């Protein structure tokens, strides 16, 4: 027995006509009649008869009508309650500083518009710290990098970011073209996060595949200070475009790395689905949607969607 069969039956009785009911539902009369026949077959009784005055219910039809109307009222009431109910709760979400620069505010605004009663706790920290907090269940979900995705988490691939050499014009060893290979950067002083963080692992592995070792001039575990050092000419860095999103564009030169391995894969990692609250599950969907829309609309430069 299907809800549409109940709706068809009730409306036929109310209108006294198969044809008028079919027109109201936007179906052909034969399709509506077939649904009523299937309902009668399931109940093993005749519910409607056609007379010169139109289609009227049998005694069994009258008895069934009252219960069908009651059932539909309950279903419609349940649907209305679900639509009117507001999702509540708190969700803790971690974003790396470069990711937060692009994704943070659009995600916050989307959540406030869609789920105004959900309270967000946004944590901006280096990815290594976020992974540790996710392990400790201090975060519900976080945007991390593929090298840090643990098997015990639920992981959704989001996007890939192209990496660039970022430095000030005139820095000794800074490439002058639009693109460069890693093996051409042997003498360039580079400032990177320390080895516990996702970007450092990606850069180290990319240099190894290129058959060379980077000249690491300094290690700084903080994007703001790291970019201050680059701005002061203490060295260049290797970062996605998002690392410069909060800074004036005329301060730095960005030179694209040609190496295929010079990409940072972003994943949305969370606790397992059975550990997440309804609010956290909803936030995960919104976060993924916002990230993808930023890429599609061209607001996340150097990023491509990861579809595998």
Protein backbone atom coordinates (compact mmCIF):
# COMPACT_ATOMS: atom_id res chain seq x y z
CA UNK A 1 0.00 0.00 0.00
CA UNK A 2 1.46 3.35 -1.06
CA UNK A 3 0.70 6.85 0.16
CA UNK A 4 -0.14 8.01 -3.34
CA UNK A 5 -2.82 5.29 -3.57
CA UNK A 6 -4.39 6.62 -0.38
CA UNK A 7 -4.26 10.17 -1.71
CA UNK A 8 -5.79 9.11 -5.03
CA UNK A 9 -8.59 7.21 -3.30
CA UNK A 10 -9.46 10.01 -0.86
CA UNK A 11 -9.52 12.65 -3.59
CA UNK A 12 -11.67 10.54 -5.90
CA UNK A 13 -14.24 10.19 -3.12
CA UNK A 14 -14.07 13.91 -2.31
CA UNK A 15 -14.53 14.93 -5.96
CA UNK A 16 -16.79 12.07 -6.98
CA UNK A 17 -14.86 11.64 -10.21
CA UNK A 18 -11.84 9.67 -11.39
CA UNK A 19 -11.27 12.13 -14.23
CA UNK A 20 -11.31 15.25 -12.08
CA UNK A 21 -9.00 13.65 -9.51
CA UNK A 22 -6.58 12.56 -12.25
CA UNK A 23 -6.55 16.10 -13.66
CA UNK A 24 -5.79 17.54 -10.22
CA UNK A 25 -2.87 15.14 -9.67
CA UNK A 26 -1.55 15.67 -13.18
CA UNK A 27 -1.86 12.01 -14.25
CA UNK A 28 -3.94 10.27 -16.88
CA UNK A 29 -7.21 8.74 -15.70
CA UNK A 30 -6.13 5.21 -16.62
CA UNK A 31 -3.01 5.47 -14.41
CA UNK A 32 -5.03 6.68 -11.45
CA UNK A 33 -7.64 3.97 -12.00
CA UNK A 34 -4.88 1.34 -12.09
CA UNK A 35 -3.55 2.52 -8.73
CA UNK A 36 -7.03 2.29 -7.20
CA UNK A 37 -7.43 -1.22 -8.64
CA UNK A 38 -4.11 -2.28 -7.10
CA UNK A 39 -5.28 -0.92 -3.75
CA UNK A 40 -8.54 -2.87 -4.00
CA UNK A 41 -6.63 -6.02 -4.92
CA UNK A 42 -4.39 -5.65 -1.89
CA UNK A 43 -7.40 -5.17 0.37
CA UNK A 44 -9.39 -7.90 -1.42
CA UNK A 45 -12.48 -5.69 -1.51
CA UNK A 46 -14.21 -3.19 -3.77
CA UNK A 47 -13.81 0.39 -2.59
CA UNK A 48 -15.44 2.40 -5.38
CA UNK A 49 -18.28 1.99 -7.82
CA UNK A 50 -19.30 4.10 -10.79
CA UNK A 51 -22.89 5.33 -11.00
CA UNK A 52 -24.82 7.86 -13.05
CA UNK A 53 -24.04 10.35 -10.27
CA UNK A 54 -20.30 9.73 -10.50
CA UNK A 55 -17.85 7.56 -8.58
CA UNK A 56 -18.96 6.79 -5.02
CA UNK A 57 -17.52 4.64 -2.23
CA UNK A 58 -18.92 1.27 -1.26
CA UNK A 59 -19.64 0.51 2.40
CA UNK A 60 -16.12 -0.90 2.64
CA UNK A 61 -14.88 2.24 0.90
CA UNK A 62 -16.59 4.48 3.44
CA UNK A 63 -15.02 2.57 6.31
CA UNK A 64 -11.62 2.71 4.63
CA UNK A 65 -12.01 6.42 3.81
CA UNK A 66 -12.06 7.51 7.46
CA UNK A 67 -8.88 5.60 8.27
CA UNK A 68 -7.16 6.73 5.07
CA UNK A 69 -7.92 10.38 5.86
CA UNK A 70 -6.58 9.92 9.39
CA UNK A 71 -3.40 8.24 8.12
CA UNK A 72 -2.77 11.03 5.61
CA UNK A 73 -3.28 13.68 8.30
CA UNK A 74 -0.67 11.95 10.45
CA UNK A 75 1.78 11.69 7.54
CA UNK A 76 1.29 15.33 6.55
CA UNK A 77 1.69 16.40 10.17
CA UNK A 78 4.92 14.43 10.50
CA UNK A 79 6.29 15.99 7.30
CA UNK A 80 5.43 19.48 8.50
CA UNK A 81 7.08 18.86 11.87
CA UNK A 82 10.23 17.64 10.13
CA UNK A 83 10.34 20.73 7.91
CA UNK A 84 9.79 23.10 10.82
CA UNK A 85 12.21 21.40 13.21
CA UNK A 86 15.51 23.21 13.58
CA UNK A 87 18.74 21.32 13.82
CA UNK A 88 20.63 22.20 16.99
CA UNK A 89 23.91 21.29 18.66
CA UNK A 90 27.58 22.19 18.49
CA UNK A 91 30.13 21.12 15.89
CA UNK A 92 33.92 21.47 16.20
CA UNK A 93 35.72 21.89 12.87
CA UNK A 94 39.42 22.28 12.16
CA UNK A 95 40.93 24.18 9.23
CA UNK A 96 44.56 24.80 8.39
CA UNK A 97 45.35 28.54 8.13
CA UNK A 98 45.67 28.48 4.34
CA UNK A 99 42.43 26.52 4.02
CA UNK A 100 40.63 28.82 6.46
CA UNK A 101 41.68 31.85 4.42
CA UNK A 102 39.56 30.64 1.50
CA UNK A 103 36.96 28.34 3.03
CA UNK A 104 36.37 29.68 6.54
CA UNK A 105 34.01 32.61 6.01
CA UNK A 106 31.98 31.13 3.12
CA UNK A 107 31.40 28.00 5.22
CA UNK A 108 30.44 30.01 8.32
CA UNK A 109 27.96 32.08 6.32
CA UNK A 110 26.44 29.01 4.64
CA UNK A 111 25.93 27.30 8.00
CA UNK A 112 24.37 30.39 9.57
CA UNK A 113 21.96 30.64 6.68
CA UNK A 114 21.04 26.96 6.55
CA UNK A 115 21.31 25.90 10.20
CA UNK A 116 21.13 29.04 12.36
CA UNK A 117 20.69 27.08 15.61
CA UNK A 118 23.87 25.01 15.17
CA UNK A 119 26.77 26.54 17.08
CA UNK A 120 30.11 26.26 15.29
CA UNK A 121 33.47 25.92 17.00
CA UNK A 122 36.06 26.68 14.32
CA UNK A 123 39.70 25.89 15.06
CA UNK A 124 42.44 27.36 12.86
CA UNK A 125 45.73 25.53 13.35
CA UNK A 126 48.48 23.79 11.44
CA UNK A 127 47.33 20.52 9.96
CA UNK A 128 49.49 18.36 12.21
CA UNK A 129 47.80 19.81 15.27
CA UNK A 130 44.37 19.32 13.72
CA UNK A 131 45.08 15.65 13.06
CA UNK A 132 46.07 15.18 16.69
CA UNK A 133 42.89 16.93 17.90
CA UNK A 134 40.78 14.75 15.64
CA UNK A 135 42.46 11.67 17.10
CA UNK A 136 41.69 12.97 20.58
CA UNK A 137 38.05 13.61 19.54
CA UNK A 138 38.39 17.28 20.33
CA UNK A 139 37.24 17.92 16.75
CA UNK A 140 34.33 16.39 14.88
CA UNK A 141 35.82 16.99 11.45
CA UNK A 142 38.73 18.75 9.80
CA UNK A 143 40.11 19.52 6.36
CA UNK A 144 43.47 17.74 6.28
CA UNK A 145 45.96 16.66 3.68
CA UNK A 146 46.05 13.18 2.24
CA UNK A 147 49.32 12.19 3.94
CA UNK A 148 47.58 12.55 7.31
CA UNK A 149 44.36 10.65 6.62
CA UNK A 150 44.06 7.79 9.11
CA UNK A 151 42.08 4.67 8.31
CA UNK A 152 39.90 4.96 11.38
CA UNK A 153 38.46 8.21 10.13
CA UNK A 154 35.76 8.77 7.57
CA UNK A 155 37.57 10.49 4.68
CA UNK A 156 36.02 12.32 1.72
CA UNK A 157 38.40 13.58 -1.04
CA UNK A 158 37.78 17.28 -1.71
CA UNK A 159 40.28 18.92 -4.04
CA UNK A 160 43.88 19.18 -5.19
CA UNK A 161 45.89 22.39 -4.89
CA UNK A 162 48.73 23.32 -7.20
CA UNK A 163 51.90 24.34 -5.33
CA UNK A 164 53.88 27.50 -6.08
CA UNK A 165 57.22 28.97 -5.17
CA UNK A 166 56.31 32.12 -3.23
CA UNK A 167 58.87 34.86 -2.67
CA UNK A 168 59.57 38.56 -2.99
CA UNK A 169 60.97 39.96 -6.24
CA UNK A 170 64.74 40.25 -6.14
CA UNK A 171 65.31 37.37 -3.70
CA UNK A 172 68.56 35.61 -4.73
CA UNK A 173 67.71 32.36 -6.49
CA UNK A 174 64.03 33.25 -6.91
CA UNK A 175 62.87 32.00 -10.35
CA UNK A 176 61.80 34.70 -12.76
CA UNK A 177 59.61 32.73 -15.16
CA UNK A 178 56.00 31.62 -14.82
CA UNK A 179 56.91 28.04 -13.92
CA UNK A 180 59.89 26.09 -12.59
CA UNK A 181 60.97 22.54 -11.73
CA UNK A 182 62.01 21.49 -8.24
CA UNK A 183 65.47 20.44 -9.41
CA UNK A 184 66.08 24.08 -10.40
CA UNK A 185 65.61 25.28 -6.80
CA UNK A 186 68.65 23.66 -5.17
CA UNK A 187 70.19 27.00 -4.15
CA UNK A 188 66.97 28.79 -3.23
CA UNK A 189 66.60 29.28 0.56
CA UNK A 190 63.20 27.86 1.48
CA UNK A 191 61.15 28.37 4.63
CA UNK A 192 58.80 25.51 5.50
CA UNK A 193 56.80 24.14 8.43
CA UNK A 194 58.53 21.41 10.44
CA UNK A 195 58.32 17.73 9.59
CA UNK A 196 55.15 16.96 11.55
CA UNK A 197 52.95 18.95 9.19
CA UNK A 198 51.26 17.86 6.00
CA UNK A 199 52.75 20.40 3.60
CA UNK A 200 56.29 19.61 4.72
CA UNK A 201 55.78 15.92 3.98
CA UNK A 202 54.40 16.72 0.53
CA UNK A 203 57.28 19.06 -0.32
CA UNK A 204 59.94 16.68 1.01
CA UNK A 205 58.51 13.77 -0.98
CA UNK A 206 58.26 15.89 -4.15
CA UNK A 207 61.91 16.96 -3.88
CA UNK A 208 62.95 13.33 -3.30
CA UNK A 209 61.14 12.23 -6.46
CA UNK A 210 62.87 15.03 -8.34
CA UNK A 211 66.20 13.61 -7.13
CA UNK A 212 67.27 16.57 -5.02
CA UNK A 213 67.16 17.99 -1.48
CA UNK A 214 65.69 21.41 -0.64
CA UNK A 215 67.82 24.11 0.98
CA UNK A 216 65.70 24.67 4.11
CA UNK A 217 66.72 28.03 5.51
CA UNK A 218 64.26 27.96 8.42
CA UNK A 219 61.32 26.03 9.85
CA UNK A 220 58.34 28.05 11.06
CA UNK A 221 55.19 26.40 12.43
CA UNK A 222 52.77 29.24 11.87
CA UNK A 223 51.55 30.58 8.53
CA UNK A 224 51.40 34.25 9.53
CA UNK A 225 54.99 34.33 10.83
CA UNK A 226 56.19 32.19 7.93
CA UNK A 227 54.77 34.63 5.40
CA UNK A 228 56.21 37.55 7.38
CA UNK A 229 59.64 35.95 7.00
CA UNK A 230 59.09 35.48 3.27
CA UNK A 231 57.92 39.07 2.94
CA UNK A 232 61.09 40.23 4.72
CA UNK A 233 63.22 38.36 2.19
CA UNK A 234 64.50 35.69 4.60
CA UNK A 235 63.72 33.05 2.00
CA UNK A 236 61.01 31.77 -0.30
CA UNK A 237 58.40 29.17 0.56
CA UNK A 238 56.43 26.52 -1.26
CA UNK A 239 52.71 26.88 -0.71
CA UNK A 240 49.35 26.70 -2.48
CA UNK A 241 47.73 29.96 -3.60
CA UNK A 242 45.45 29.82 -0.56
CA UNK A 243 48.42 30.63 1.71
CA UNK A 244 48.53 34.11 0.14
CA UNK A 245 44.77 34.68 -0.02
CA UNK A 246 44.75 37.07 2.96
CA UNK A 247 47.72 39.09 1.72
CA UNK A 248 48.04 41.87 -0.88
CA UNK A 249 48.84 40.19 -4.19
CA UNK A 250 51.54 42.67 -5.18
CA UNK A 251 53.80 41.68 -2.27
CA UNK A 252 54.88 38.32 -3.66
CA UNK A 253 55.70 36.49 -6.85
CA UNK A 254 54.05 33.10 -7.36
CA UNK A 255 55.84 30.71 -9.71
CA UNK A 256 54.04 27.48 -10.50
CA UNK A 257 55.88 24.20 -9.94
CA UNK A 258 55.90 21.96 -13.02
CA UNK A 259 56.45 18.72 -11.11
CA UNK A 260 53.37 16.46 -11.07
CA UNK A 261 53.97 15.61 -7.41
CA UNK A 262 53.82 19.28 -6.42
CA UNK A 263 50.19 19.16 -5.40
CA UNK A 264 48.42 19.15 -2.08
CA UNK A 265 45.38 16.92 -1.82
CA UNK A 266 42.74 18.17 0.60
CA UNK A 267 40.45 15.65 2.28
CA UNK A 268 37.53 16.10 4.64
CA UNK A 269 38.26 13.83 7.59
CA UNK A 270 35.79 13.17 10.38
CA UNK A 271 35.00 10.75 13.13
CA UNK A 272 33.07 7.70 11.99
CA UNK A 273 29.47 8.35 10.97
CA UNK A 274 28.05 6.60 14.03
CA UNK A 275 30.04 8.96 16.29
CA UNK A 276 28.86 12.16 14.60
CA UNK A 277 25.80 14.06 15.76
CA UNK A 278 23.12 15.09 13.25
CA UNK A 279 24.53 18.62 13.40
CA UNK A 280 28.04 17.35 12.57
CA UNK A 281 26.74 15.23 9.69
CA UNK A 282 24.93 18.28 8.29
CA UNK A 283 28.03 20.46 8.69
CA UNK A 284 30.13 17.91 6.82
CA UNK A 285 27.76 18.07 3.85
CA UNK A 286 27.75 21.88 3.84
CA UNK A 287 31.55 22.08 4.13
CA UNK A 288 32.02 19.81 1.13
CA UNK A 289 29.43 21.72 -0.92
CA UNK A 290 30.99 25.10 -0.16
CA UNK A 291 34.52 23.90 -0.97
CA UNK A 292 33.41 22.51 -4.31
CA UNK A 293 31.45 25.62 -5.22
CA UNK A 294 34.49 27.81 -4.49
CA UNK A 295 36.53 25.76 -6.95
CA UNK A 296 33.82 25.68 -9.63
CA UNK A 297 33.19 29.43 -9.34
CA UNK A 298 36.91 30.21 -9.66
CA UNK A 299 37.37 31.57 -6.13
CA UNK A 300 39.99 28.97 -5.12
CA UNK A 301 42.87 29.60 -7.49
CA UNK A 302 45.08 26.68 -8.42
CA UNK A 303 42.55 24.16 -7.09
CA UNK A 304 40.89 21.34 -9.01
CA UNK A 305 38.18 19.03 -7.80
CA UNK A 306 39.22 15.52 -6.87
CA UNK A 307 36.58 13.21 -8.35
CA UNK A 308 37.98 9.76 -7.49
